[in-house]
Protein backbone atom coordinates (compact mmCIF):
# COMPACT_ATOMS: atom_id res chain seq x y z
CA UNK A 1 0.00 0.00 0.00
CA UNK A 2 2.84 2.41 0.79
CA UNK A 3 4.40 1.69 -2.59
CA UNK A 4 1.12 2.63 -4.30
CA UNK A 5 0.93 5.85 -2.30
CA UNK A 6 4.50 6.72 -3.21
CA UNK A 7 3.90 5.96 -6.87
CA UNK A 8 0.77 8.11 -6.90
CA UNK A 9 2.59 10.94 -5.11
CA UNK A 10 5.39 10.85 -7.70
CA UNK A 11 2.87 10.82 -10.57
CA UNK A 12 0.88 13.68 -9.05
CA UNK A 13 3.98 15.81 -8.47
CA UNK A 14 5.07 15.22 -12.07
CA UNK A 15 1.65 16.31 -13.34
CA UNK A 16 1.74 19.50 -11.27
CA UNK A 17 5.31 20.27 -12.40
CA UNK A 18 4.36 19.76 -16.05
CA UNK A 19 1.33 22.02 -15.68
CA UNK A 20 3.36 24.77 -14.04
CA UNK A 21 5.98 24.59 -16.79
CA UNK A 22 3.42 24.61 -19.61
CA UNK A 23 4.10 27.76 -21.66
CA UNK A 24 0.92 27.59 -23.73
CA UNK A 25 -1.54 30.42 -23.28
CA UNK A 26 -4.39 29.51 -21.01
CA UNK A 27 -7.94 30.73 -20.72
CA UNK A 28 -8.45 33.44 -18.18
CA UNK A 29 -11.14 33.23 -15.53
CA UNK A 30 -12.78 36.30 -17.07
CA UNK A 31 -13.04 34.58 -20.47
CA UNK A 32 -14.56 31.48 -18.91
CA UNK A 33 -17.11 33.50 -16.94
CA UNK A 34 -18.07 35.54 -20.01
CA UNK A 35 -18.63 32.37 -22.04
CA UNK A 36 -20.68 30.84 -19.22
CA UNK A 37 -22.81 33.98 -18.92
CA UNK A 38 -23.39 34.02 -22.67
CA UNK A 39 -24.56 30.41 -22.50
CA UNK A 40 -26.88 31.20 -19.57
CA UNK A 41 -28.31 34.22 -21.39
CA UNK A 42 -28.88 32.25 -24.60
CA UNK A 43 -30.60 29.47 -22.68
CA UNK A 44 -32.86 31.93 -20.85
CA UNK A 45 -33.80 33.65 -24.11
CA UNK A 46 -34.68 30.32 -25.67
CA UNK A 47 -36.85 29.34 -22.71
CA UNK A 48 -38.74 32.63 -22.58
CA UNK A 49 -40.15 32.20 -26.10
CA UNK A 50 -43.63 30.62 -26.30
């Protein structure tokens, strides 16, 4: 069981390290929230029509 925990810990740390070193441009929180709001608004408009 300890070996599994150690293996998982090593895998997890490697994933975090890779994510932190990733130089690709990400999506900002503002962009995500704007897209979510647009989806909510579109859904509400579609539901309000008879």
